[in-house]
Amino acid sequence: MPAAGSTMHEPVPIQELFGKAERLAAAFAETAVERDKAGGTAKAERDRLRESGLLNLIIPTEYGGYGLDWYDTLRIVRIISAADSSLGHLFGFQHLLLATVRLFGDQWPHYYRETVRGRWFWGNALNPLDTRARIVADGRHWLLHGIKSFCSGAMDSDQLVVSGISDQDGKLIVAVIPSDREGIRINSDWDNMGQRQTDSGTVEFHEVRIYDHEILRNPGPLGSLYASLRSLIAQLVLTNIYLGIAEGALTEARAYTRSQSRAWFLSGVESPTKDPYVLQKYGEFWVELNAASLATDHAAHLLDAAWQKEDELTAEERAETALATATAKVLATRAGLDVTQRLFEVTGARATTSAAGFDRFWRNLRTHSLHDPVDYKLLDLGEWVLNERPPVPSFYS
């Protein structure tokens, strides 16, 4: 593995990073409605994320990154998602994929340095449930052929985390390859109702060369208790995207109610801001989102503690983090769907215009929340409460 020089960031106050994220989010929000309608690749916005340096939040300072913990990194995912959940999705997956490299292989120092040096944006072609991609031995190296679905961020990426089923033993193999390697075809075929600028379509592999040193085999996919934290990071990335969507919806709805909504003629008040039914609904939204936010932040703090343990992580600590993560995922999903569906009750009929774009919040959250059924999180929680069985580590729990 070629070595690269380490370029350490000067210490940056955390408020400066949050300020940069908030400024970017404000810029993204200005065009979010029209870009949602257009779909396709948010190339200009992706490049702004590259230039910002925020793609390196979770990379330790000794490798040139900012060395943030998961709690703060995920809060920034939430900020971006509140403005534009497609970009929040891609931004969150950047850190998930960097964590994948760290947890599944021993090549991560090289990839961390090169991510900082090259301003790499990482793309996903891992989807373990899609087994159509196969990996076959070719001398000392390997060939990947087949197709993968739900490949978020593959378009305009610099590196891809890919997976395939080994023809030798049927096991899942995960590797890192350049996105422009010969034989890769990234398709522009994502046409779903939500998350329209995540490029979550398909990637085809036509006898794509994978060099042996590119395979993440030490410890490999879920190859240790520590490596199994990958699924919890994934779940908390999703949870923070959902929360961001709901918080963005609430912020825009509040501004609309204050400035454009009209009081119902039977209400007896001159402004909807004084209507008791409108006030009650905003109170309900606050309670739901506040509970989900507190649960999510609690899970992130547990994740940070588990992350620091590395191979000293215990099964009990992992289980505690998994249960907290599942709880947060359920709360954020329920609260987010409720707020994004019911916001029209506090904004009124005029808010249903295409120009307002309020429908995007529900479409985005509903699309993304089907990533894995939240009912199975409740099943894990029920098994723990009733039978004291902790969640079994997998790519989703």
Protein backbone atom coordinates (compact mmCIF):
# COMPACT_ATOMS: atom_id res chain seq x y z
CA MET A 1 0.00 0.00 0.00
CA PRO A 2 1.62 3.31 -1.01
CA ALA A 3 2.33 5.66 1.85
CA ALA A 4 1.32 9.28 1.85
CA GLY A 5 2.56 12.13 3.96
CA SER A 6 0.44 13.25 6.85
CA THR A 7 -0.90 16.80 6.75
CA MET A 8 -2.41 17.75 10.07
CA HIS A 9 -5.08 20.40 10.30
CA GLU A 10 -4.42 23.23 12.68
CA PRO A 11 -6.93 22.90 15.53
CA VAL A 12 -10.22 24.43 14.41
CA PRO A 13 -12.79 25.59 16.97
CA ILE A 14 -15.84 23.40 16.69
CA GLN A 15 -18.09 26.44 16.41
CA GLU A 16 -16.23 27.38 13.22
CA LEU A 17 -17.08 24.01 11.65
CA PHE A 18 -20.70 24.34 12.70
CA GLY A 19 -20.78 27.85 11.31
CA LYS A 20 -19.44 26.63 7.98
CA ALA A 21 -22.05 23.86 7.91
CA GLU A 22 -24.85 26.30 8.68
CA ARG A 23 -23.74 28.68 5.91
CA LEU A 24 -23.60 25.84 3.42
CA ALA A 25 -27.00 24.59 4.55
CA ALA A 26 -28.50 28.05 4.08
CA ALA A 27 -27.14 28.18 0.53
CA PHE A 28 -28.42 24.68 -0.23
CA ALA A 29 -31.87 25.57 1.11
CA GLU A 30 -32.23 28.42 -1.39
CA THR A 31 -32.34 25.98 -4.32
CA ALA A 32 -33.64 22.85 -2.58
CA VAL A 33 -37.18 23.03 -4.01
CA GLU A 34 -36.14 23.50 -7.63
CA ARG A 35 -33.39 20.88 -7.40
CA ASP A 36 -35.84 18.41 -5.87
CA LYS A 37 -38.05 18.89 -8.92
CA ALA A 38 -35.13 18.54 -11.32
CA GLY A 39 -33.58 15.42 -9.76
CA GLY A 40 -30.23 14.27 -11.10
CA THR A 41 -26.81 14.92 -9.63
CA ALA A 42 -26.22 17.93 -7.37
CA LYS A 43 -22.75 18.41 -8.83
CA ALA A 44 -22.25 22.05 -7.83
CA GLU A 45 -23.39 21.39 -4.28
CA ARG A 46 -21.22 18.27 -3.98
CA ASP A 47 -18.23 20.34 -5.06
CA ARG A 48 -19.02 22.92 -2.40
CA LEU A 49 -18.92 20.13 0.18
CA ARG A 50 -15.57 19.00 -1.24
CA GLU A 51 -14.15 22.52 -1.00
CA SER A 52 -15.49 23.04 2.52
CA GLY A 53 -13.35 20.33 4.10
CA LEU A 54 -16.40 19.02 5.97
CA LEU A 55 -16.03 15.66 4.24
CA ASN A 56 -13.11 15.07 6.62
CA LEU A 57 -14.90 15.64 9.93
CA ILE A 58 -14.49 12.14 11.33
CA ILE A 59 -10.92 11.64 10.09
CA PRO A 60 -8.44 12.00 13.00
CA THR A 61 -6.20 15.07 13.00
CA GLU A 62 -3.04 12.99 12.56
CA TYR A 63 -4.31 12.01 9.11
CA GLY A 64 -5.28 15.54 8.15
CA GLY A 65 -8.92 15.53 9.27
CA TYR A 66 -10.74 17.45 11.97
CA GLY A 67 -11.05 14.58 14.43
CA LEU A 68 -14.67 15.19 15.43
CA ASP A 69 -16.54 12.61 17.41
CA TRP A 70 -19.72 10.96 16.12
CA TYR A 71 -21.99 13.14 18.24
CA ASP A 72 -20.84 16.36 16.56
CA THR A 73 -20.44 14.82 13.12
CA LEU A 74 -24.02 13.55 13.22
CA ARG A 75 -25.30 16.91 14.41
CA ILE A 76 -23.78 18.43 11.26
CA VAL A 77 -25.44 15.70 9.17
CA ARG A 78 -28.70 16.88 10.75
CA ILE A 79 -28.00 20.52 9.85
CA ILE A 80 -27.38 19.69 6.19
CA SER A 81 -30.41 17.38 6.08
CA ALA A 82 -32.70 20.09 7.43
CA ALA A 83 -31.84 22.22 4.42
CA ASP A 84 -31.69 19.47 1.80
CA SER A 85 -32.04 15.84 2.79
CA SER A 86 -30.53 14.52 -0.45
CA LEU A 87 -27.30 16.34 0.34
CA GLY A 88 -27.57 15.34 3.99
CA HIS A 89 -27.90 11.73 2.85
CA LEU A 90 -24.75 11.92 0.71
CA PHE A 91 -22.87 13.82 3.38
CA GLY A 92 -23.85 11.32 6.08
CA PHE A 93 -22.91 8.37 3.90
CA GLN A 94 -19.45 9.91 3.36
CA HIS A 95 -18.72 9.38 7.05
CA LEU A 96 -20.40 5.97 7.12
CA LEU A 97 -18.18 4.79 4.27
CA LEU A 98 -15.07 6.14 5.95
CA ALA A 99 -16.13 4.23 9.07
CA THR A 100 -16.61 1.11 6.94
CA VAL A 101 -13.02 1.31 5.75
CA ARG A 102 -11.83 1.84 9.33
CA LEU A 103 -13.84 -1.04 10.79
CA PHE A 104 -13.51 -3.68 8.07
CA GLY A 105 -9.89 -3.31 6.96
CA ASP A 106 -6.40 -2.28 7.98
CA GLN A 107 -5.77 0.00 4.97
CA TRP A 108 -7.64 2.92 6.50
CA PRO A 109 -4.62 5.18 7.27
CA HIS A 110 -3.86 5.32 3.54
CA TYR A 111 -7.48 5.99 2.59
CA TYR A 112 -7.88 8.63 5.28
CA ARG A 113 -4.81 10.55 4.12
CA GLU A 114 -5.80 10.30 0.48
CA THR A 115 -9.37 11.42 1.23
CA VAL A 116 -8.00 14.62 2.74
CA ARG A 117 -5.36 15.14 0.07
CA GLY A 118 -7.63 14.44 -2.89
CA ARG A 119 -10.87 15.87 -1.44
CA TRP A 120 -12.44 12.51 -2.13
CA PHE A 121 -16.19 12.06 -2.05
CA TRP A 122 -17.03 8.42 -1.33
CA GLY A 123 -19.83 6.51 -3.06
CA ASN A 124 -21.74 3.44 -2.00
CA ALA A 125 -22.17 0.19 -3.95
CA LEU A 126 -22.22 -2.11 -0.93
CA ASN A 127 -25.90 -3.10 -0.47
CA PRO A 128 -25.48 -6.54 1.15
CA LEU A 129 -29.07 -7.56 0.37
CA ASP A 130 -28.46 -7.34 -3.39
CA THR A 131 -26.44 -10.46 -4.20
CA ARG A 132 -26.30 -10.07 -7.98
CA ALA A 133 -22.65 -8.96 -7.99
CA ARG A 134 -20.13 -11.81 -7.91
CA ILE A 135 -16.39 -11.81 -7.22
CA VAL A 136 -14.18 -14.46 -8.81
CA ALA A 137 -10.48 -15.13 -8.37
CA ASP A 138 -8.18 -14.11 -11.22
CA GLY A 139 -4.69 -15.20 -10.30
CA ARG A 140 -3.51 -13.14 -7.33
CA HIS A 141 -6.32 -10.67 -7.85
CA TRP A 142 -10.08 -10.65 -8.48
CA LEU A 143 -12.80 -9.74 -10.96
CA LEU A 144 -16.18 -8.24 -10.04
CA HIS A 145 -19.18 -8.64 -12.32
CA GLY A 146 -22.89 -8.05 -11.88
CA ILE A 147 -25.06 -5.20 -10.66
CA LYS A 148 -25.85 -3.37 -7.42
CA SER A 149 -28.92 -1.34 -6.51
CA PHE A 150 -29.42 1.57 -4.10
CA CYS A 151 -25.93 2.90 -4.79
CA SER A 152 -26.28 6.29 -3.13
CA GLY A 153 -23.69 8.84 -4.15
CA ALA A 154 -21.95 6.64 -6.70
CA MET A 155 -22.33 9.29 -9.39
CA ASP A 156 -19.59 11.94 -9.11
CA SER A 157 -17.76 9.91 -6.46
CA ASP A 158 -14.02 9.38 -6.30
CA GLN A 159 -13.97 6.03 -4.50
CA LEU A 160 -16.56 3.27 -4.24
CA VAL A 161 -17.09 0.81 -1.42
CA VAL A 162 -18.31 -2.27 -3.27
CA SER A 163 -19.35 -5.77 -2.33
CA GLY A 164 -19.88 -9.05 -4.08
CA ILE A 165 -20.46 -12.69 -3.31
CA SER A 166 -17.39 -14.88 -3.63
CA ASP A 167 -17.81 -17.72 -6.13
CA GLN A 168 -15.39 -19.73 -4.01
CA ASP A 169 -17.22 -19.88 -0.69
CA GLY A 170 -20.36 -17.75 -1.06
CA LYS A 171 -19.15 -15.18 1.47
CA LEU A 172 -19.60 -11.42 1.15
CA ILE A 173 -16.44 -9.61 0.12
CA VAL A 174 -16.11 -5.83 0.56
CA ALA A 175 -13.50 -3.76 -1.27
CA VAL A 176 -12.55 -0.18 -2.13
CA ILE A 177 -11.96 0.76 -5.77
CA PRO A 178 -11.68 4.01 -7.75
CA SER A 179 -15.03 5.05 -9.21
CA ASP A 180 -13.54 5.52 -12.68
CA ARG A 181 -12.01 2.06 -12.97
CA GLU A 182 -12.52 0.36 -16.31
CA GLY A 183 -15.66 -1.75 -16.46
CA ILE A 184 -17.75 0.32 -14.02
CA ARG A 185 -20.97 1.81 -15.35
CA ILE A 186 -22.83 4.15 -12.98
CA ASN A 187 -26.40 4.52 -14.20
CA SER A 188 -28.60 7.62 -13.91
CA ASP A 189 -31.70 5.53 -13.20
CA TRP A 190 -32.82 6.79 -9.78
CA ASP A 191 -36.38 7.99 -10.34
CA ASN A 192 -38.09 7.60 -6.97
CA MET A 193 -40.52 10.04 -5.40
CA GLY A 194 -38.06 11.22 -2.74
CA GLN A 195 -34.35 11.78 -2.08
CA ARG A 196 -34.22 12.69 -5.75
CA GLN A 197 -30.64 14.00 -5.81
CA THR A 198 -28.97 11.07 -4.06
CA ASP A 199 -28.24 9.15 -7.30
CA SER A 200 -29.33 5.99 -5.50
CA GLY A 201 -29.73 3.98 -8.69
CA THR A 202 -27.73 1.04 -10.02
CA VAL A 203 -24.08 0.40 -10.74
CA GLU A 204 -22.99 -2.25 -13.23
CA PHE A 205 -19.67 -4.08 -13.00
CA HIS A 206 -18.29 -5.64 -16.18
CA GLU A 207 -15.25 -7.74 -15.27
CA VAL A 208 -13.92 -4.99 -13.01
CA ARG A 209 -10.43 -5.61 -11.70
CA ILE A 210 -10.08 -5.66 -7.90
CA TYR A 211 -6.53 -5.85 -6.63
CA ASP A 212 -5.94 -8.00 -3.61
CA HIS A 213 -4.78 -5.06 -1.46
CA GLU A 214 -8.14 -3.32 -2.08
CA ILE A 215 -10.16 -5.98 -0.26
CA LEU A 216 -11.18 -5.13 3.31
CA ARG A 217 -10.41 -8.45 4.95
CA ASN A 218 -8.87 -7.64 8.32
CA PRO A 219 -11.21 -8.19 10.13
CA GLY A 220 -13.58 -8.07 7.15
CA PRO A 221 -17.34 -7.42 7.07
CA LEU A 222 -18.70 -7.74 10.63
CA GLY A 223 -15.51 -9.68 11.38
CA SER A 224 -15.28 -8.54 14.98
CA LEU A 225 -17.49 -7.06 17.67
CA TYR A 226 -15.88 -3.68 17.00
CA ALA A 227 -16.49 -4.04 13.25
CA SER A 228 -20.18 -4.63 13.99
CA LEU A 229 -20.48 -0.98 15.06
CA ARG A 230 -20.77 -0.22 11.35
CA SER A 231 -24.48 -1.03 11.34
CA LEU A 232 -25.12 1.23 14.34
CA ILE A 233 -23.33 4.10 12.64
CA ALA A 234 -25.48 3.50 9.57
CA GLN A 235 -28.66 3.53 11.64
CA LEU A 236 -27.69 6.76 13.41
CA VAL A 237 -26.81 8.44 10.11
CA LEU A 238 -30.31 7.58 8.88
CA THR A 239 -31.88 8.70 12.16
CA ASN A 240 -30.20 12.09 11.95
CA ILE A 241 -31.29 12.49 8.34
CA TYR A 242 -34.89 11.83 9.42
CA LEU A 243 -34.61 14.29 12.28
CA GLY A 244 -33.07 16.88 10.00
CA ILE A 245 -35.92 16.51 7.52
CA ALA A 246 -38.51 16.94 10.28
CA GLU A 247 -36.71 19.89 11.84
CA GLY A 248 -36.40 21.55 8.44
CA ALA A 249 -40.11 20.98 7.83
CA LEU A 250 -41.02 22.49 11.19
CA THR A 251 -38.81 25.53 10.59
CA GLU A 252 -40.33 26.24 7.18
CA ALA A 253 -43.88 25.57 8.37
CA ARG A 254 -43.44 27.97 11.28
CA ALA A 255 -42.20 30.73 8.99
CA TYR A 256 -45.11 30.14 6.64
CA THR A 257 -47.71 30.17 9.44
CA ARG A 258 -46.32 33.43 10.75
CA SER A 259 -46.09 35.20 7.40
CA GLN A 260 -48.64 33.76 4.98
CA SER A 261 -51.27 31.60 6.66
CA ARG A 262 -54.67 33.10 7.45
CA ALA A 263 -56.83 32.56 10.50
CA TRP A 264 -59.87 30.34 9.95
CA PHE A 265 -63.03 32.44 9.93
CA LEU A 266 -64.58 30.50 12.83
CA SER A 267 -61.52 30.83 15.06
CA GLY A 268 -62.38 34.26 16.43
CA VAL A 269 -58.72 35.37 16.23
CA GLU A 270 -57.03 37.68 13.77
CA SER A 271 -53.92 35.53 13.27
CA PRO A 272 -53.28 31.77 13.08
CA THR A 273 -50.48 32.31 15.60
CA LYS A 274 -53.24 32.79 18.20
CA ASP A 275 -55.47 29.90 17.09
CA PRO A 276 -55.57 27.35 19.96
CA TYR A 277 -55.70 24.40 17.56
CA VAL A 278 -52.66 25.63 15.63
CA LEU A 279 -50.79 26.22 18.89
CA GLN A 280 -51.69 22.74 20.11
CA LYS A 281 -50.34 21.12 16.96
CA TYR A 282 -47.06 23.03 17.15
CA GLY A 283 -46.80 21.89 20.76
CA GLU A 284 -47.31 18.29 19.67
CA PHE A 285 -44.66 18.64 16.97
CA TRP A 286 -42.20 20.03 19.51
CA VAL A 287 -42.76 17.21 21.99
CA GLU A 288 -42.30 14.53 19.32
CA LEU A 289 -39.15 16.03 17.83
CA ASN A 290 -37.62 16.93 21.18
CA ALA A 291 -38.05 13.36 22.43
CA ALA A 292 -36.55 11.95 19.25
CA SER A 293 -33.65 14.40 19.39
CA LEU A 294 -32.79 13.58 23.00
CA ALA A 295 -32.89 9.85 22.27
CA THR A 296 -30.73 10.31 19.17
CA ASP A 297 -28.12 12.36 20.99
CA HIS A 298 -28.03 9.79 23.81
CA ALA A 299 -27.37 7.02 21.28
CA ALA A 300 -24.61 9.09 19.65
CA HIS A 301 -22.84 9.53 22.99
CA LEU A 302 -22.99 5.76 23.56
CA LEU A 303 -21.62 5.21 20.05
CA ASP A 304 -18.69 7.51 20.80
CA ALA A 305 -17.89 5.55 23.97
CA ALA A 306 -18.07 2.26 22.04
CA TRP A 307 -15.97 3.66 19.17
CA GLN A 308 -13.19 4.61 21.58
CA LYS A 309 -13.07 1.09 23.03
CA GLU A 310 -11.97 -0.49 19.73
CA ASP A 311 -11.22 -4.18 20.32
CA GLU A 312 -11.87 -3.84 24.05
CA LEU A 313 -15.57 -3.26 23.31
CA THR A 314 -17.76 -5.71 25.23
CA ALA A 315 -20.92 -7.41 24.03
CA GLU A 316 -22.86 -5.63 26.77
CA GLU A 317 -21.61 -2.21 25.65
CA ARG A 318 -22.41 -3.00 22.06
CA ALA A 319 -25.91 -4.16 23.02
CA GLU A 320 -26.57 -0.99 25.03
CA THR A 321 -25.60 1.12 22.03
CA ALA A 322 -27.73 -0.98 19.68
CA LEU A 323 -30.81 -0.68 21.88
CA ALA A 324 -30.41 3.08 22.20
CA THR A 325 -29.94 3.36 18.45
CA ALA A 326 -33.04 1.32 17.70
CA THR A 327 -35.07 3.43 20.13
CA ALA A 328 -33.91 6.64 18.46
CA LYS A 329 -34.63 5.27 14.99
CA VAL A 330 -38.22 4.39 15.93
CA LEU A 331 -38.86 7.76 17.57
CA ALA A 332 -37.33 9.79 14.73
CA THR A 333 -39.24 7.84 12.08
CA ARG A 334 -42.58 8.22 13.83
CA ALA A 335 -42.08 11.88 14.73
CA GLY A 336 -40.75 12.77 11.31
CA LEU A 337 -43.58 11.14 9.39
CA ASP A 338 -46.14 12.77 11.66
CA VAL A 339 -44.70 16.28 11.39
CA THR A 340 -44.10 16.15 7.63
CA GLN A 341 -47.62 14.84 7.00
CA ARG A 342 -49.49 17.14 9.40
CA LEU A 343 -47.61 20.38 8.77
CA PHE A 344 -50.34 21.33 6.27
CA GLU A 345 -52.79 21.49 9.16
CA VAL A 346 -50.90 24.50 10.54
CA THR A 347 -50.05 26.15 7.21
CA GLY A 348 -53.34 25.85 5.33
CA ALA A 349 -54.48 25.21 1.78
CA ARG A 350 -52.13 27.77 0.20
CA ALA A 351 -49.17 25.76 1.46
CA THR A 352 -49.98 22.94 -0.96
CA THR A 353 -48.75 24.93 -3.97
CA SER A 354 -45.92 23.46 -5.99
CA ALA A 355 -43.85 26.59 -5.41
CA ALA A 356 -43.88 26.08 -1.64
CA GLY A 357 -42.51 22.56 -2.03
CA PHE A 358 -43.67 21.39 1.40
CA ASP A 359 -44.51 17.96 0.01
CA ARG A 360 -40.81 17.19 -0.43
CA PHE A 361 -40.33 16.74 3.30
CA TRP A 362 -42.78 13.84 3.54
CA ARG A 363 -41.67 12.33 0.21
CA ASN A 364 -38.04 12.39 1.27
CA LEU A 365 -38.61 10.96 4.72
CA ARG A 366 -41.08 8.33 3.57
CA THR A 367 -38.71 7.18 0.81
CA HIS A 368 -35.68 6.98 3.07
CA SER A 369 -37.47 5.49 6.08
CA LEU A 370 -38.26 2.38 4.03
CA HIS A 371 -34.52 1.60 3.95
CA ASP A 372 -35.21 -1.11 6.51
CA PRO A 373 -38.58 -1.65 8.22
CA VAL A 374 -38.81 0.10 11.57
CA ASP A 375 -41.02 -2.78 12.76
CA TYR A 376 -37.87 -4.89 13.02
CA LYS A 377 -36.34 -2.32 15.36
CA LEU A 378 -39.41 -2.72 17.55
CA LEU A 379 -38.97 -6.50 17.34
CA ASP A 380 -35.40 -6.16 18.62
CA LEU A 381 -36.57 -3.89 21.42
CA GLY A 382 -39.41 -6.25 22.34
CA GLU A 383 -37.02 -9.21 22.49
CA TRP A 384 -34.86 -7.24 24.87
CA VAL A 385 -37.67 -5.99 27.11
CA LEU A 386 -39.52 -9.30 27.34
CA ASN A 387 -36.85 -11.95 26.84
CA GLU A 388 -33.61 -10.05 27.63
CA ARG A 389 -32.14 -11.00 24.25
CA PRO A 390 -29.88 -8.26 22.87
CA PRO A 391 -29.96 -7.41 19.13
CA VAL A 392 -27.91 -9.81 17.00
CA PRO A 393 -25.22 -7.87 15.12
CA SER A 394 -25.93 -7.66 11.39
CA PHE A 395 -25.72 -5.04 8.64
CA TYR A 396 -29.00 -3.62 9.99
CA SER A 397 -28.94 -4.13 13.78
